[in-house]
Amino acid sequence: MYPDHLHELHQYLPFCPENKTPPDSKEPRLLTLYMTLYMKEMNVIHYRNLKQALEYGLVLTRINRILQFNQSPWLKKYNDLNTDFEKKLK
């Protein structure tokens, strides 16, 4: 929940932007303006983003689902290879 006292402070860049169609458009967009300061329901958010939002004053009222996933460094070899190539070029 977005408390009322945070609306003015977060009106230009609120936490938890949403992918919706604004009233003046036909295309869905990532809404970050004051239009997204209402009650959030059924949002999917990364735990780090949720932790940051809660630290800045948002209020968590209910948890619907908890997603779990494993992270792996699947691009590490590729990045290291490119980094080595760049070092050799210099």
Protein backbone atom coordinates (compact mmCIF):
# COMPACT_ATOMS: atom_id res chain seq x y z
CA MET A 1 0.00 0.00 0.00
CA TYR A 2 1.25 3.48 -0.81
CA PRO A 3 0.71 5.68 2.26
CA ASP A 4 -0.75 9.13 1.53
CA HIS A 5 2.18 10.97 3.10
CA LEU A 6 4.53 9.50 0.45
CA HIS A 7 2.48 10.51 -2.61
CA GLU A 8 4.07 13.93 -3.07
CA LEU A 9 7.57 12.63 -2.41
CA HIS A 10 7.26 9.72 -4.88
CA GLN A 11 4.95 11.27 -7.48
CA TYR A 12 7.51 11.35 -10.31
CA LEU A 13 9.24 8.03 -9.72
CA PRO A 14 7.23 5.70 -7.47
CA PHE A 15 8.20 2.20 -6.49
CA CYS A 16 6.49 -0.73 -8.24
CA PRO A 17 5.78 0.67 -11.73
CA GLU A 18 3.08 -1.13 -13.67
CA ASN A 19 2.68 -2.18 -17.28
CA LYS A 20 -0.78 -0.82 -18.16
CA THR A 21 -2.54 1.17 -20.85
CA PRO A 22 -2.91 4.81 -19.81
CA PRO A 23 -6.24 6.55 -20.48
CA ASP A 24 -4.79 8.74 -23.26
CA SER A 25 -3.14 5.91 -25.22
CA LYS A 26 -3.87 2.66 -26.98
CA GLU A 27 -0.47 1.11 -26.31
CA PRO A 28 0.49 -0.42 -22.95
CA ARG A 29 3.36 1.38 -21.23
CA LEU A 30 5.41 1.11 -18.09
CA LEU A 31 3.64 3.65 -15.89
CA THR A 32 5.84 5.37 -13.33
CA LEU A 33 3.99 8.63 -12.77
CA TYR A 34 1.43 9.53 -10.11
CA MET A 35 -1.09 7.16 -11.76
CA THR A 36 0.52 4.21 -9.97
CA LEU A 37 0.29 5.50 -6.40
CA TYR A 38 -2.90 3.59 -5.60
CA MET A 39 -3.29 0.22 -3.88
CA LYS A 40 -1.21 -2.49 -5.55
CA GLU A 41 -2.74 -5.94 -5.88
CA MET A 42 -1.33 -9.15 -7.34
CA ASN A 43 2.03 -7.60 -8.26
CA VAL A 44 5.07 -9.73 -8.92
CA ILE A 45 8.20 -8.14 -7.52
CA HIS A 46 11.76 -9.23 -6.87
CA TYR A 47 12.53 -9.60 -3.19
CA ARG A 48 15.31 -6.99 -3.34
CA ASN A 49 12.93 -4.41 -4.84
CA LEU A 50 10.30 -5.27 -2.23
CA LYS A 51 12.84 -4.91 0.55
CA GLN A 52 13.87 -1.47 -0.76
CA ALA A 53 10.25 -0.32 -1.12
CA LEU A 54 9.47 -1.38 2.44
CA GLU A 55 12.54 0.48 3.73
CA TYR A 56 11.25 3.67 2.07
CA GLY A 57 7.84 3.44 3.73
CA LEU A 58 5.53 1.31 1.60
CA VAL A 59 3.26 -0.97 3.59
CA LEU A 60 2.89 -4.67 2.81
CA THR A 61 -0.66 -5.79 3.57
CA ARG A 62 -0.84 -9.26 2.05
CA ILE A 63 1.30 -11.83 0.23
CA ASN A 64 -0.50 -13.86 -2.43
CA ARG A 65 2.32 -16.05 -3.73
CA ILE A 66 6.00 -16.54 -3.22
CA LEU A 67 8.11 -17.30 -6.26
CA GLN A 68 11.45 -19.01 -5.97
CA PHE A 69 14.11 -19.33 -8.60
CA ASN A 70 17.76 -20.23 -8.84
CA GLN A 71 20.25 -17.76 -10.21
CA SER A 72 23.34 -18.89 -12.05
CA PRO A 73 26.24 -17.09 -13.73
CA TRP A 74 25.33 -18.46 -17.15
CA LEU A 75 26.96 -15.55 -19.03
CA LYS A 76 30.15 -15.42 -16.95
CA LYS A 77 32.31 -17.35 -19.44
CA TYR A 78 31.14 -15.15 -22.30
CA ASN A 79 31.77 -11.93 -20.35
CA ASP A 80 35.20 -13.09 -19.24
CA LEU A 81 36.12 -14.01 -22.82
CA ASN A 82 35.07 -10.56 -24.09
CA THR A 83 36.96 -8.88 -21.27
CA ASP A 84 40.10 -10.80 -22.19
CA PHE A 85 39.72 -9.81 -25.85
CA GLU A 86 39.38 -6.14 -24.86
CA LYS A 87 42.50 -6.34 -22.70
CA LYS A 88 44.48 -7.81 -25.59
CA LEU A 89 43.30 -5.05 -27.95
CA LYS A 90 44.60 -2.33 -25.66
